[in-house]
Amino acid sequence: MNISVELTLSPLQNEFEEPIINFIKKLRASGLTVLENPLSTQVYGNYDEVMQLLQTEIKNVFEYIDNGLIFIKIVKSDRSDYEPNF
């Protein structure tokens, strides 16, 4: 089963760029489809692979930052090829 996940990482500290950049680089290195925009990062792929990656990398980034939160949306389908038709 394929899923699409949208993530927004918000470190609640002054030094926030480096943790976000490192988090995104780890997602990119996974081999899964990763797309970014100024407000969020999307990860697409097999449910088990995506969730294993997120479990590992969210734990890593939370150990790296003092305070923060992450917003996650999960859709049960691969929406990586979505194109607006309007």
C-alpha atoms as a PDB file:
ATOM      1  CA  MET A   1       0.000   0.000   0.000  1.00  0.00           C
ATOM      2  CA  ASN A   2       1.362   3.412  -0.968  1.00  0.00           C
ATOM      3  CA  ILE A   3       0.980   6.581   1.053  1.00  0.00           C
ATOM      4  CA  SER A   4       1.658  10.293   0.760  1.00  0.00           C
ATOM      5  CA  VAL A   5       2.875  12.173   3.825  1.00  0.00           C
ATOM      6  CA  GLU A   6       3.139  15.915   4.312  1.00  0.00           C
ATOM      7  CA  LEU A   7       5.469  17.104   7.066  1.00  0.00           C
ATOM      8  CA  THR A   8       6.064  20.505   8.601  1.00  0.00           C
ATOM      9  CA  LEU A   9       8.882  20.583  11.153  1.00  0.00           C
ATOM     10  CA  SER A  10       8.873  23.606  13.478  1.00  0.00           C
ATOM     11  CA  PRO A  11      11.783  23.776  15.915  1.00  0.00           C
ATOM     12  CA  LEU A  12      10.716  26.166  18.703  1.00  0.00           C
ATOM     13  CA  GLN A  13      14.120  27.717  19.200  1.00  0.00           C
ATOM     14  CA  ASN A  14      16.295  30.473  17.758  1.00  0.00           C
ATOM     15  CA  GLU A  15      18.535  28.113  15.810  1.00  0.00           C
ATOM     16  CA  PHE A  16      16.001  26.431  13.535  1.00  0.00           C
ATOM     17  CA  GLU A  17      17.450  26.301  10.012  1.00  0.00           C
ATOM     18  CA  GLU A  18      20.122  23.639  10.560  1.00  0.00           C
ATOM     19  CA  PRO A  19      17.761  21.051  12.119  1.00  0.00           C
ATOM     20  CA  ILE A  20      15.256  21.521   9.288  1.00  0.00           C
ATOM     21  CA  ILE A  21      17.930  21.256   6.589  1.00  0.00           C
ATOM     22  CA  ASN A  22      19.429  18.129   8.164  1.00  0.00           C
ATOM     23  CA  PHE A  23      15.988  16.530   8.499  1.00  0.00           C
ATOM     24  CA  ILE A  24      15.182  17.155   4.832  1.00  0.00           C
ATOM     25  CA  LYS A  25      18.595  15.872   3.702  1.00  0.00           C
ATOM     26  CA  LYS A  26      18.008  12.610   5.601  1.00  0.00           C
ATOM     27  CA  LEU A  27      14.604  12.228   3.928  1.00  0.00           C
ATOM     28  CA  ARG A  28      16.142  12.900   0.490  1.00  0.00           C
ATOM     29  CA  ALA A  29      18.844  10.268   1.083  1.00  0.00           C
ATOM     30  CA  SER A  30      16.217   7.578   1.723  1.00  0.00           C
ATOM     31  CA  GLY A  31      15.607   6.807  -1.956  1.00  0.00           C
ATOM     32  CA  LEU A  32      11.894   7.549  -1.554  1.00  0.00           C
ATOM     33  CA  THR A  33      10.189  10.291  -3.551  1.00  0.00           C
ATOM     34  CA  VAL A  34      10.615  13.535  -1.594  1.00  0.00           C
ATOM     35  CA  LEU A  35       9.239  16.884  -2.752  1.00  0.00           C
ATOM     36  CA  GLU A  36       9.626  20.196  -0.983  1.00  0.00           C
ATOM     37  CA  ASN A  37       8.017  23.606  -1.011  1.00  0.00           C
ATOM     38  CA  PRO A  38       8.512  26.627   1.269  1.00  0.00           C
ATOM     39  CA  LEU A  39       5.931  25.393   3.791  1.00  0.00           C
ATOM     40  CA  SER A  40       6.311  21.613   3.935  1.00  0.00           C
ATOM     41  CA  THR A  41       8.015  18.463   2.719  1.00  0.00           C
ATOM     42  CA  GLN A  42       6.180  15.544   1.139  1.00  0.00           C
ATOM     43  CA  VAL A  43       7.319  11.916   1.205  1.00  0.00           C
ATOM     44  CA  TYR A  44       5.756   9.285  -1.065  1.00  0.00           C
ATOM     45  CA  GLY A  45       6.146   5.536  -1.117  1.00  0.00           C
ATOM     46  CA  ASN A  46       5.327   2.188   0.413  1.00  0.00           C
ATOM     47  CA  TYR A  47       3.626   2.524   3.815  1.00  0.00           C
ATOM     48  CA  ASP A  48       6.152   0.411   5.720  1.00  0.00           C
ATOM     49  CA  GLU A  49       9.171   2.136   4.174  1.00  0.00           C
ATOM     50  CA  VAL A  50       7.835   5.648   4.724  1.00  0.00           C
ATOM     51  CA  MET A  51       6.747   5.001   8.310  1.00  0.00           C
ATOM     52  CA  GLN A  52      10.075   3.338   9.208  1.00  0.00           C
ATOM     53  CA  LEU A  53      11.937   6.336   7.783  1.00  0.00           C
ATOM     54  CA  LEU A  54       9.735   8.789   9.655  1.00  0.00           C
ATOM     55  CA  GLN A  55      10.023   6.883  12.927  1.00  0.00           C
ATOM     56  CA  THR A  56      13.815   6.998  12.723  1.00  0.00           C
ATOM     57  CA  GLU A  57      14.263  10.545  11.434  1.00  0.00           C
ATOM     58  CA  ILE A  58      11.648  12.187  13.662  1.00  0.00           C
ATOM     59  CA  LYS A  59      13.311  10.604  16.687  1.00  0.00           C
ATOM     60  CA  ASN A  60      16.717  11.824  15.460  1.00  0.00           C
ATOM     61  CA  VAL A  61      15.573  15.404  14.923  1.00  0.00           C
ATOM     62  CA  PHE A  62      13.766  15.503  18.279  1.00  0.00           C
ATOM     63  CA  GLU A  63      16.994  14.395  19.973  1.00  0.00           C
ATOM     64  CA  TYR A  64      18.834  17.199  18.127  1.00  0.00           C
ATOM     65  CA  ILE A  65      16.493  20.099  19.010  1.00  0.00           C
ATOM     66  CA  ASP A  66      15.537  21.408  22.441  1.00  0.00           C
ATOM     67  CA  ASN A  67      11.875  22.081  21.642  1.00  0.00           C
ATOM     68  CA  GLY A  68       9.802  21.556  18.547  1.00  0.00           C
ATOM     69  CA  LEU A  69       6.767  20.136  16.897  1.00  0.00           C
ATOM     70  CA  ILE A  70       5.951  18.374  13.694  1.00  0.00           C
ATOM     71  CA  PHE A  71       2.691  18.448  11.753  1.00  0.00           C
ATOM     72  CA  ILE A  72       1.956  15.276   9.775  1.00  0.00           C
ATOM     73  CA  LYS A  73      -0.757  14.539   7.225  1.00  0.00           C
ATOM     74  CA  ILE A  74      -1.036  11.034   5.768  1.00  0.00           C
ATOM     75  CA  VAL A  75      -3.055  10.115   2.673  1.00  0.00           C
ATOM     76  CA  LYS A  76      -3.641   6.510   1.651  1.00  0.00           C
ATOM     77  CA  SER A  77      -2.432   6.766  -1.941  1.00  0.00           C
ATOM     78  CA  ASP A  78       0.606   7.970  -3.827  1.00  0.00           C
ATOM     79  CA  ARG A  79      -0.233  11.548  -4.828  1.00  0.00           C
ATOM     80  CA  SER A  80       3.266  12.391  -6.106  1.00  0.00           C
ATOM     81  CA  ASP A  81       2.046  12.794  -9.671  1.00  0.00           C
ATOM     82  CA  TYR A  82      -0.806  15.171  -8.756  1.00  0.00           C
ATOM     83  CA  GLU A  83      -1.332  18.024 -11.174  1.00  0.00           C
ATOM     84  CA  PRO A  84      -4.125  20.546 -10.800  1.00  0.00           C
ATOM     85  CA  ASN A  85      -6.616  20.378 -13.661  1.00  0.00           C
ATOM     86  CA  PHE A  86      -8.184  23.804 -13.283  1.00  0.00           C
END
